[in-house]
């Protein structure tokens, strides 16, 4: 009888712990997933060697999205840049130079509650906002000139955009597999799905992407381990190429020259014909 009582007590404690953690995750997950920087309405964006125009758009009642349009002369196309979960486009805007130097304009938005953007933040609302921005860009550029780029948390929204539209190219840098998997990494025993309000299943979206997919990831990324990128690259392998930046972490990947060499290679889109008959593609190592 005592043994049964002890078992019931242990089970009850486990259930209570899970419920307490679940409630904590439900109500406070936005504090972990989103770390916004708010900007005053009169803040002026300014970047050295970049021409940026600030724009606002009402995506729906009560939601106003702030975004920057970085312009170049005679653009080859445009990059829709979906940033990570911290700060605002005030700081992220400087990364537009990685694309303008290659002849591409850049459109970069702030999520709801970031920068000057306002509106109730939910995953569904953020999806609608990014699609709204995509549709605006599509008025000026045909889809074969649109490249969707997502970094970290923004990779999930980028993957979704590519799955719902027909851009020329999808580039994901340091992407998350899903927010659910991120939680399970730190709380492997926790059945977090019922308590998750913000889930962005990048892996699900990639199944429906029809354009080329480029994934860039640092080998020393401690926040999102490299095996995440490997797993994502295997979802739609015929369209995907994985680039690993040796020694790079999660937030410093752009500080490695190899990252920029990879970007040039991706944007140059050198198409190399391989004659299979002139290679070892058909060779078997087991035979003579």
C-alpha atoms as a PDB file:
ATOM      1  CA  UNK A   1       0.000   0.000   0.000  1.00  0.00           C
ATOM      2  CA  UNK A   2       2.845   2.396   0.837  1.00  0.00           C
ATOM      3  CA  UNK A   3       4.567   1.610  -2.443  1.00  0.00           C
ATOM      4  CA  UNK A   4       1.390   2.437  -4.370  1.00  0.00           C
ATOM      5  CA  UNK A   5       0.973   5.616  -2.382  1.00  0.00           C
ATOM      6  CA  UNK A   6       4.545   6.622  -3.159  1.00  0.00           C
ATOM      7  CA  UNK A   7       4.006   5.940  -6.863  1.00  0.00           C
ATOM      8  CA  UNK A   8       0.831   8.011  -6.917  1.00  0.00           C
ATOM      9  CA  UNK A   9       2.623  10.795  -5.090  1.00  0.00           C
ATOM     10  CA  UNK A  10       5.502  10.772  -7.565  1.00  0.00           C
ATOM     11  CA  UNK A  11       3.097  10.787 -10.521  1.00  0.00           C
ATOM     12  CA  UNK A  12       1.120  13.641  -8.951  1.00  0.00           C
ATOM     13  CA  UNK A  13       4.299  15.659  -8.424  1.00  0.00           C
ATOM     14  CA  UNK A  14       5.387  15.073 -12.032  1.00  0.00           C
ATOM     15  CA  UNK A  15       1.960  16.136 -13.326  1.00  0.00           C
ATOM     16  CA  UNK A  16       2.002  19.273 -11.178  1.00  0.00           C
ATOM     17  CA  UNK A  17       5.533  20.154 -12.326  1.00  0.00           C
ATOM     18  CA  UNK A  18       4.542  19.692 -15.979  1.00  0.00           C
ATOM     19  CA  UNK A  19       1.420  21.801 -15.524  1.00  0.00           C
ATOM     20  CA  UNK A  20       3.341  24.575 -13.763  1.00  0.00           C
ATOM     21  CA  UNK A  21       6.013  24.576 -16.474  1.00  0.00           C
ATOM     22  CA  UNK A  22       3.323  24.415 -19.148  1.00  0.00           C
ATOM     23  CA  UNK A  23       1.493  27.415 -17.734  1.00  0.00           C
ATOM     24  CA  UNK A  24       4.800  29.279 -17.465  1.00  0.00           C
ATOM     25  CA  UNK A  25       5.627  28.439 -21.097  1.00  0.00           C
ATOM     26  CA  UNK A  26       2.164  29.479 -22.272  1.00  0.00           C
ATOM     27  CA  UNK A  27       2.152  32.911 -20.637  1.00  0.00           C
ATOM     28  CA  UNK A  28       5.824  33.850 -20.865  1.00  0.00           C
ATOM     29  CA  UNK A  29       7.075  32.254 -24.091  1.00  0.00           C
ATOM     30  CA  UNK A  30       6.887  35.596 -25.899  1.00  0.00           C
ATOM     31  CA  UNK A  31       9.564  36.854 -23.503  1.00  0.00           C
ATOM     32  CA  UNK A  32      11.932  34.135 -24.707  1.00  0.00           C
ATOM     33  CA  UNK A  33      11.024  34.064 -28.400  1.00  0.00           C
ATOM     34  CA  UNK A  34      10.748  37.824 -28.952  1.00  0.00           C
ATOM     35  CA  UNK A  35      13.088  40.469 -27.576  1.00  0.00           C
ATOM     36  CA  UNK A  36      11.934  43.656 -29.292  1.00  0.00           C
ATOM     37  CA  UNK A  37      13.427  47.099 -29.354  1.00  0.00           C
ATOM     38  CA  UNK A  38      10.814  49.827 -29.673  1.00  0.00           C
ATOM     39  CA  UNK A  39      11.597  53.076 -31.469  1.00  0.00           C
ATOM     40  CA  UNK A  40      10.002  56.506 -31.066  1.00  0.00           C
ATOM     41  CA  UNK A  41       7.865  57.698 -33.946  1.00  0.00           C
ATOM     42  CA  UNK A  42      10.320  60.478 -34.812  1.00  0.00           C
ATOM     43  CA  UNK A  43      13.362  58.201 -35.005  1.00  0.00           C
ATOM     44  CA  UNK A  44      15.314  58.740 -38.247  1.00  0.00           C
ATOM     45  CA  UNK A  45      17.001  55.779 -39.916  1.00  0.00           C
ATOM     46  CA  UNK A  46      20.433  56.500 -41.370  1.00  0.00           C
ATOM     47  CA  UNK A  47      23.065  54.099 -42.721  1.00  0.00           C
ATOM     48  CA  UNK A  48      26.476  54.788 -44.152  1.00  0.00           C
ATOM     49  CA  UNK A  49      26.775  53.774 -47.824  1.00  0.00           C
ATOM     50  CA  UNK A  50      23.101  52.727 -47.959  1.00  0.00           C
ATOM     51  CA  UNK A  51      20.102  54.526 -49.425  1.00  0.00           C
ATOM     52  CA  UNK A  52      17.060  53.638 -47.312  1.00  0.00           C
ATOM     53  CA  UNK A  53      13.473  54.836 -47.534  1.00  0.00           C
ATOM     54  CA  UNK A  54      11.232  54.308 -44.500  1.00  0.00           C
ATOM     55  CA  UNK A  55       7.688  53.169 -45.236  1.00  0.00           C
ATOM     56  CA  UNK A  56       4.563  52.278 -43.274  1.00  0.00           C
ATOM     57  CA  UNK A  57       1.656  50.099 -44.219  1.00  0.00           C
ATOM     58  CA  UNK A  58      -1.571  49.152 -42.460  1.00  0.00           C
ATOM     59  CA  UNK A  59      -1.804  45.393 -42.916  1.00  0.00           C
ATOM     60  CA  UNK A  60      -5.128  45.156 -41.074  1.00  0.00           C
ATOM     61  CA  UNK A  61      -7.157  47.177 -38.614  1.00  0.00           C
ATOM     62  CA  UNK A  62      -4.973  48.093 -35.652  1.00  0.00           C
ATOM     63  CA  UNK A  63      -1.745  46.847 -37.243  1.00  0.00           C
ATOM     64  CA  UNK A  64       0.807  49.176 -38.786  1.00  0.00           C
ATOM     65  CA  UNK A  65       4.058  47.717 -40.084  1.00  0.00           C
ATOM     66  CA  UNK A  66       7.242  49.729 -40.457  1.00  0.00           C
ATOM     67  CA  UNK A  67       9.730  48.656 -43.086  1.00  0.00           C
ATOM     68  CA  UNK A  68      12.793  49.927 -44.897  1.00  0.00           C
ATOM     69  CA  UNK A  69      13.353  49.819 -48.630  1.00  0.00           C
ATOM     70  CA  UNK A  70      17.069  49.907 -49.446  1.00  0.00           C
ATOM     71  CA  UNK A  71      17.530  51.031 -53.027  1.00  0.00           C
ATOM     72  CA  UNK A  72      20.244  50.643 -55.654  1.00  0.00           C
ATOM     73  CA  UNK A  73      20.629  51.927 -59.187  1.00  0.00           C
ATOM     74  CA  UNK A  74      19.452  49.525 -61.888  1.00  0.00           C
ATOM     75  CA  UNK A  75      18.621  46.644 -59.477  1.00  0.00           C
ATOM     76  CA  UNK A  76      19.005  43.027 -60.533  1.00  0.00           C
ATOM     77  CA  UNK A  77      16.187  42.107 -58.176  1.00  0.00           C
ATOM     78  CA  UNK A  78      15.075  42.454 -54.576  1.00  0.00           C
ATOM     79  CA  UNK A  79      15.646  40.612 -51.314  1.00  0.00           C
ATOM     80  CA  UNK A  80      12.850  40.366 -48.778  1.00  0.00           C
ATOM     81  CA  UNK A  81      14.789  40.118 -45.522  1.00  0.00           C
ATOM     82  CA  UNK A  82      13.075  38.526 -42.499  1.00  0.00           C
ATOM     83  CA  UNK A  83      15.209  39.201 -39.452  1.00  0.00           C
ATOM     84  CA  UNK A  84      15.803  37.408 -36.168  1.00  0.00           C
ATOM     85  CA  UNK A  85      13.881  37.778 -32.918  1.00  0.00           C
ATOM     86  CA  UNK A  86      15.863  40.603 -31.311  1.00  0.00           C
ATOM     87  CA  UNK A  87      16.033  44.388 -31.527  1.00  0.00           C
ATOM     88  CA  UNK A  88      14.615  46.270 -34.518  1.00  0.00           C
ATOM     89  CA  UNK A  89      15.477  47.101 -38.107  1.00  0.00           C
ATOM     90  CA  UNK A  90      17.488  50.021 -36.707  1.00  0.00           C
ATOM     91  CA  UNK A  91      20.297  47.544 -36.011  1.00  0.00           C
ATOM     92  CA  UNK A  92      19.438  44.880 -38.575  1.00  0.00           C
ATOM     93  CA  UNK A  93      19.340  47.400 -41.413  1.00  0.00           C
ATOM     94  CA  UNK A  94      23.111  47.498 -41.713  1.00  0.00           C
ATOM     95  CA  UNK A  95      23.058  43.936 -43.064  1.00  0.00           C
ATOM     96  CA  UNK A  96      21.345  45.173 -46.217  1.00  0.00           C
ATOM     97  CA  UNK A  97      24.815  46.004 -47.536  1.00  0.00           C
ATOM     98  CA  UNK A  98      25.424  42.283 -48.078  1.00  0.00           C
ATOM     99  CA  UNK A  99      22.831  42.411 -50.868  1.00  0.00           C
ATOM    100  CA  UNK A 100      23.033  45.969 -52.181  1.00  0.00           C
ATOM    101  CA  UNK A 101      26.713  45.421 -52.945  1.00  0.00           C
ATOM    102  CA  UNK A 102      25.596  42.594 -55.224  1.00  0.00           C
ATOM    103  CA  UNK A 103      23.112  44.835 -57.018  1.00  0.00           C
ATOM    104  CA  UNK A 104      19.923  43.891 -55.156  1.00  0.00           C
ATOM    105  CA  UNK A 105      17.457  46.097 -53.361  1.00  0.00           C
ATOM    106  CA  UNK A 106      16.354  45.036 -49.886  1.00  0.00           C
ATOM    107  CA  UNK A 107      12.995  45.251 -48.126  1.00  0.00           C
ATOM    108  CA  UNK A 108      13.236  44.679 -44.371  1.00  0.00           C
ATOM    109  CA  UNK A 109      10.255  44.801 -42.015  1.00  0.00           C
ATOM    110  CA  UNK A 110       9.856  45.059 -38.261  1.00  0.00           C
ATOM    111  CA  UNK A 111       7.515  42.528 -36.700  1.00  0.00           C
ATOM    112  CA  UNK A 112       4.615  43.739 -34.579  1.00  0.00           C
ATOM    113  CA  UNK A 113       5.880  45.282 -31.359  1.00  0.00           C
ATOM    114  CA  UNK A 114       9.348  45.856 -32.844  1.00  0.00           C
ATOM    115  CA  UNK A 115      10.658  49.270 -33.843  1.00  0.00           C
ATOM    116  CA  UNK A 116       7.733  51.399 -34.972  1.00  0.00           C
ATOM    117  CA  UNK A 117       5.475  48.484 -35.902  1.00  0.00           C
ATOM    118  CA  UNK A 118       2.333  48.086 -33.826  1.00  0.00           C
ATOM    119  CA  UNK A 119      -0.408  45.493 -33.494  1.00  0.00           C
ATOM    120  CA  UNK A 120      -1.235  42.398 -31.475  1.00  0.00           C
ATOM    121  CA  UNK A 121       1.516  39.870 -32.114  1.00  0.00           C
ATOM    122  CA  UNK A 122       0.519  36.317 -32.957  1.00  0.00           C
ATOM    123  CA  UNK A 123       2.111  33.827 -35.307  1.00  0.00           C
ATOM    124  CA  UNK A 124      -0.847  34.022 -37.684  1.00  0.00           C
ATOM    125  CA  UNK A 125      -0.704  37.821 -37.702  1.00  0.00           C
ATOM    126  CA  UNK A 126       3.032  37.771 -38.428  1.00  0.00           C
ATOM    127  CA  UNK A 127       2.420  35.383 -41.322  1.00  0.00           C
ATOM    128  CA  UNK A 128      -0.196  37.735 -42.756  1.00  0.00           C
ATOM    129  CA  UNK A 129       2.100  40.728 -42.345  1.00  0.00           C
ATOM    130  CA  UNK A 130       4.993  39.079 -44.199  1.00  0.00           C
ATOM    131  CA  UNK A 131       2.669  38.045 -47.025  1.00  0.00           C
ATOM    132  CA  UNK A 132       1.333  41.606 -47.177  1.00  0.00           C
ATOM    133  CA  UNK A 133       4.866  42.925 -47.611  1.00  0.00           C
ATOM    134  CA  UNK A 134       5.568  40.248 -50.249  1.00  0.00           C
ATOM    135  CA  UNK A 135       2.512  41.364 -52.205  1.00  0.00           C
ATOM    136  CA  UNK A 136       3.686  44.994 -52.068  1.00  0.00           C
ATOM    137  CA  UNK A 137       7.106  43.992 -53.399  1.00  0.00           C
ATOM    138  CA  UNK A 138       5.444  41.956 -56.146  1.00  0.00           C
ATOM    139  CA  UNK A 139       3.844  45.116 -57.522  1.00  0.00           C
ATOM    140  CA  UNK A 140       7.295  46.436 -58.395  1.00  0.00           C
ATOM    141  CA  UNK A 141       9.236  43.244 -59.096  1.00  0.00           C
ATOM    142  CA  UNK A 142       8.183  40.065 -60.870  1.00  0.00           C
ATOM    143  CA  UNK A 143       8.582  36.946 -58.741  1.00  0.00           C
ATOM    144  CA  UNK A 144      11.542  35.730 -60.784  1.00  0.00           C
ATOM    145  CA  UNK A 145      13.363  38.788 -59.374  1.00  0.00           C
ATOM    146  CA  UNK A 146      12.357  38.194 -55.735  1.00  0.00           C
ATOM    147  CA  UNK A 147      14.669  36.430 -53.290  1.00  0.00           C
ATOM    148  CA  UNK A 148      13.368  35.583 -49.825  1.00  0.00           C
ATOM    149  CA  UNK A 149      15.973  35.610 -47.068  1.00  0.00           C
ATOM    150  CA  UNK A 150      15.395  34.579 -43.447  1.00  0.00           C
ATOM    151  CA  UNK A 151      17.813  34.581 -40.548  1.00  0.00           C
ATOM    152  CA  UNK A 152      17.320  32.610 -37.322  1.00  0.00           C
ATOM    153  CA  UNK A 153      13.665  32.901 -36.283  1.00  0.00           C
ATOM    154  CA  UNK A 154      12.946  34.814 -39.492  1.00  0.00           C
ATOM    155  CA  UNK A 155      13.898  31.717 -41.483  1.00  0.00           C
ATOM    156  CA  UNK A 156      10.583  30.123 -40.540  1.00  0.00           C
ATOM    157  CA  UNK A 157       8.577  33.031 -41.934  1.00  0.00           C
ATOM    158  CA  UNK A 158      10.817  33.082 -44.998  1.00  0.00           C
ATOM    159  CA  UNK A 159      10.246  29.381 -45.622  1.00  0.00           C
ATOM    160  CA  UNK A 160       6.501  29.882 -45.325  1.00  0.00           C
ATOM    161  CA  UNK A 161       6.571  32.771 -47.809  1.00  0.00           C
ATOM    162  CA  UNK A 162       8.481  30.644 -50.299  1.00  0.00           C
ATOM    163  CA  UNK A 163       6.022  27.773 -49.832  1.00  0.00           C
ATOM    164  CA  UNK A 164       3.019  30.024 -50.523  1.00  0.00           C
ATOM    165  CA  UNK A 165       4.523  31.982 -53.419  1.00  0.00           C
ATOM    166  CA  UNK A 166       6.952  31.516 -56.286  1.00  0.00           C
ATOM    167  CA  UNK A 167      10.122  33.505 -55.565  1.00  0.00           C
ATOM    168  CA  UNK A 168      13.306  32.882 -57.491  1.00  0.00           C
ATOM    169  CA  UNK A 169      15.243  31.706 -54.469  1.00  0.00           C
ATOM    170  CA  UNK A 170      14.997  30.996 -50.735  1.00  0.00           C
ATOM    171  CA  UNK A 171      18.002  31.586 -48.473  1.00  0.00           C
ATOM    172  CA  UNK A 172      17.964  30.519 -44.820  1.00  0.00           C
ATOM    173  CA  UNK A 173      20.773  31.512 -42.467  1.00  0.00           C
ATOM    174  CA  UNK A 174      21.050  29.800 -39.066  1.00  0.00           C
ATOM    175  CA  UNK A 175      17.453  28.541 -39.318  1.00  0.00           C
ATOM    176  CA  UNK A 176      15.417  26.972 -36.535  1.00  0.00           C
ATOM    177  CA  UNK A 177      13.767  23.613 -37.244  1.00  0.00           C
ATOM    178  CA  UNK A 178      10.752  24.721 -35.204  1.00  0.00           C
ATOM    179  CA  UNK A 179      10.164  26.518 -31.920  1.00  0.00           C
ATOM    180  CA  UNK A 180       8.760  23.292 -30.511  1.00  0.00           C
ATOM    181  CA  UNK A 181      12.026  21.491 -31.184  1.00  0.00           C
ATOM    182  CA  UNK A 182      13.898  24.389 -29.587  1.00  0.00           C
ATOM    183  CA  UNK A 183      11.911  23.946 -26.375  1.00  0.00           C
ATOM    184  CA  UNK A 184      12.429  20.184 -26.425  1.00  0.00           C
ATOM    185  CA  UNK A 185      16.170  20.749 -26.635  1.00  0.00           C
ATOM    186  CA  UNK A 186      16.144  22.475 -23.255  1.00  0.00           C
ATOM    187  CA  UNK A 187      13.180  20.623 -21.714  1.00  0.00           C
ATOM    188  CA  UNK A 188      13.301  17.161 -23.330  1.00  0.00           C
ATOM    189  CA  UNK A 189      10.833  15.689 -20.833  1.00  0.00           C
ATOM    190  CA  UNK A 190       8.253  18.428 -21.386  1.00  0.00           C
ATOM    191  CA  UNK A 191       5.157  17.797 -23.580  1.00  0.00           C
ATOM    192  CA  UNK A 192       5.248  21.444 -24.691  1.00  0.00           C
ATOM    193  CA  UNK A 193       3.027  21.321 -27.769  1.00  0.00           C
ATOM    194  CA  UNK A 194      -0.297  21.900 -25.913  1.00  0.00           C
ATOM    195  CA  UNK A 195       1.177  25.024 -24.301  1.00  0.00           C
ATOM    196  CA  UNK A 196       2.884  26.473 -27.378  1.00  0.00           C
ATOM    197  CA  UNK A 197       1.323  29.665 -28.737  1.00  0.00           C
ATOM    198  CA  UNK A 198       4.159  30.498 -31.092  1.00  0.00           C
ATOM    199  CA  UNK A 199       5.266  27.648 -33.308  1.00  0.00           C
ATOM    200  CA  UNK A 200       6.960  28.227 -36.624  1.00  0.00           C
ATOM    201  CA  UNK A 201       7.563  24.811 -38.243  1.00  0.00           C
ATOM    202  CA  UNK A 202      10.233  25.626 -40.796  1.00  0.00           C
ATOM    203  CA  UNK A 203      10.551  21.933 -41.647  1.00  0.00           C
ATOM    204  CA  UNK A 204       6.875  21.732 -42.628  1.00  0.00           C
ATOM    205  CA  UNK A 205       7.062  24.735 -44.933  1.00  0.00           C
ATOM    206  CA  UNK A 206      10.147  23.447 -46.740  1.00  0.00           C
ATOM    207  CA  UNK A 207       8.193  20.435 -47.974  1.00  0.00           C
ATOM    208  CA  UNK A 208       6.150  22.728 -50.223  1.00  0.00           C
ATOM    209  CA  UNK A 209       8.876  25.047 -51.491  1.00  0.00           C
ATOM    210  CA  UNK A 210       9.355  24.823 -55.259  1.00  0.00           C
ATOM    211  CA  UNK A 211      12.315  27.152 -55.771  1.00  0.00           C
ATOM    212  CA  UNK A 212      16.008  26.498 -55.024  1.00  0.00           C
ATOM    213  CA  UNK A 213      16.775  26.482 -51.278  1.00  0.00           C
ATOM    214  CA  UNK A 214      20.126  27.584 -49.850  1.00  0.00           C
ATOM    215  CA  UNK A 215      20.855  26.930 -46.180  1.00  0.00           C
ATOM    216  CA  UNK A 216      23.825  28.606 -44.477  1.00  0.00           C
ATOM    217  CA  UNK A 217      24.832  27.559 -40.960  1.00  0.00           C
ATOM    218  CA  UNK A 218      27.784  27.950 -38.627  1.00  0.00           C
ATOM    219  CA  UNK A 219      29.576  24.789 -37.519  1.00  0.00           C
ATOM    220  CA  UNK A 220      29.954  26.182 -33.974  1.00  0.00           C
ATOM    221  CA  UNK A 221      26.388  27.419 -33.544  1.00  0.00           C
ATOM    222  CA  UNK A 222      25.509  26.632 -29.922  1.00  0.00           C
ATOM    223  CA  UNK A 223      22.012  28.119 -29.969  1.00  0.00           C
ATOM    224  CA  UNK A 224      20.841  26.196 -33.034  1.00  0.00           C
ATOM    225  CA  UNK A 225      23.182  23.209 -33.549  1.00  0.00           C
ATOM    226  CA  UNK A 226      24.469  22.361 -37.008  1.00  0.00           C
ATOM    227  CA  UNK A 227      22.463  19.118 -37.087  1.00  0.00           C
ATOM    228  CA  UNK A 228      19.367  21.326 -37.383  1.00  0.00           C
ATOM    229  CA  UNK A 229      20.559  22.618 -40.747  1.00  0.00           C
ATOM    230  CA  UNK A 230      21.474  19.095 -41.851  1.00  0.00           C
ATOM    231  CA  UNK A 231      18.000  17.845 -40.955  1.00  0.00           C
ATOM    232  CA  UNK A 232      16.369  20.749 -42.810  1.00  0.00           C
ATOM    233  CA  UNK A 233      18.530  20.181 -45.884  1.00  0.00           C
ATOM    234  CA  UNK A 234      17.246  16.607 -46.153  1.00  0.00           C
ATOM    235  CA  UNK A 235      13.568  17.606 -46.322  1.00  0.00           C
ATOM    236  CA  UNK A 236      13.605  18.846 -49.924  1.00  0.00           C
ATOM    237  CA  UNK A 237      17.023  17.563 -51.040  1.00  0.00           C
ATOM    238  CA  UNK A 238      16.602  17.955 -54.799  1.00  0.00           C
ATOM    239  CA  UNK A 239      16.223  21.712 -54.387  1.00  0.00           C
ATOM    240  CA  UNK A 240      18.492  22.270 -51.388  1.00  0.00           C
ATOM    241  CA  UNK A 241      22.164  23.016 -50.939  1.00  0.00           C
ATOM    242  CA  UNK A 242      23.762  23.334 -47.503  1.00  0.00           C
ATOM    243  CA  UNK A 243      26.723  25.621 -46.824  1.00  0.00           C
ATOM    244  CA  UNK A 244      28.604  25.201 -43.548  1.00  0.00           C
ATOM    245  CA  UNK A 245      30.677  28.134 -42.311  1.00  0.00           C
ATOM    246  CA  UNK A 246      33.476  26.657 -40.207  1.00  0.00           C
ATOM    247  CA  UNK A 247      33.946  28.099 -36.701  1.00  0.00           C
ATOM    248  CA  UNK A 248      30.968  30.435 -37.085  1.00  0.00           C
ATOM    249  CA  UNK A 249      28.365  30.713 -34.339  1.00  0.00           C
ATOM    250  CA  UNK A 250      24.752  31.865 -34.376  1.00  0.00           C
ATOM    251  CA  UNK A 251      25.106  35.633 -34.149  1.00  0.00           C
ATOM    252  CA  UNK A 252      28.541  36.124 -35.704  1.00  0.00           C
ATOM    253  CA  UNK A 253      28.188  34.149 -38.934  1.00  0.00           C
ATOM    254  CA  UNK A 254      28.336  37.346 -41.011  1.00  0.00           C
ATOM    255  CA  UNK A 255      31.763  38.116 -39.535  1.00  0.00           C
ATOM    256  CA  UNK A 256      33.357  35.276 -41.509  1.00  0.00           C
ATOM    257  CA  UNK A 257      34.645  35.944 -45.027  1.00  0.00           C
ATOM    258  CA  UNK A 258      33.440  32.525 -46.136  1.00  0.00           C
ATOM    259  CA  UNK A 259      29.851  33.605 -45.471  1.00  0.00           C
ATOM    260  CA  UNK A 260      30.233  36.437 -47.965  1.00  0.00           C
ATOM    261  CA  UNK A 261      31.956  34.191 -50.507  1.00  0.00           C
ATOM    262  CA  UNK A 262      28.993  31.841 -50.222  1.00  0.00           C
ATOM    263  CA  UNK A 263      26.583  34.730 -50.746  1.00  0.00           C
ATOM    264  CA  UNK A 264      28.395  35.749 -53.916  1.00  0.00           C
ATOM    265  CA  UNK A 265      28.291  32.184 -55.196  1.00  0.00           C
ATOM    266  CA  UNK A 266      24.568  31.940 -54.485  1.00  0.00           C
ATOM    267  CA  UNK A 267      23.708  35.225 -56.164  1.00  0.00           C
ATOM    268  CA  UNK A 268      25.918  34.617 -59.185  1.00  0.00           C
ATOM    269  CA  UNK A 269      24.026  31.344 -59.739  1.00  0.00           C
ATOM    270  CA  UNK A 270      26.726  29.737 -61.809  1.00  0.00           C
ATOM    271  CA  UNK A 271      25.153  26.798 -63.584  1.00  0.00           C
ATOM    272  CA  UNK A 272      27.712  24.066 -64.235  1.00  0.00           C
ATOM    273  CA  UNK A 273      26.834  21.195 -66.508  1.00  0.00           C
ATOM    274  CA  UNK A 274      28.189  17.846 -65.369  1.00  0.00           C
ATOM    275  CA  UNK A 275      28.518  15.051 -67.899  1.00  0.00           C
ATOM    276  CA  UNK A 276      27.844  11.978 -65.760  1.00  0.00           C
ATOM    277  CA  UNK A 277      29.640   9.736 -68.239  1.00  0.00           C
ATOM    278  CA  UNK A 278      32.862  11.647 -67.585  1.00  0.00           C
ATOM    279  CA  UNK A 279      32.717  11.289 -63.777  1.00  0.00           C
ATOM    280  CA  UNK A 280      32.672   8.544 -61.144  1.00  0.00           C
ATOM    281  CA  UNK A 281      28.943   8.977 -60.543  1.00  0.00           C
ATOM    282  CA  UNK A 282      28.157   5.482 -61.759  1.00  0.00           C
ATOM    283  CA  UNK A 283      31.111   3.714 -60.167  1.00  0.00           C
ATOM    284  CA  UNK A 284      30.691   1.112 -57.428  1.00  0.00           C
ATOM    285  CA  UNK A 285      33.419   0.979 -54.797  1.00  0.00           C
ATOM    286  CA  UNK A 286      32.643  -2.691 -54.199  1.00  0.00           C
ATOM    287  CA  UNK A 287      33.439  -3.726 -57.752  1.00  0.00           C
ATOM    288  CA  UNK A 288      36.981  -4.140 -59.075  1.00  0.00           C
END
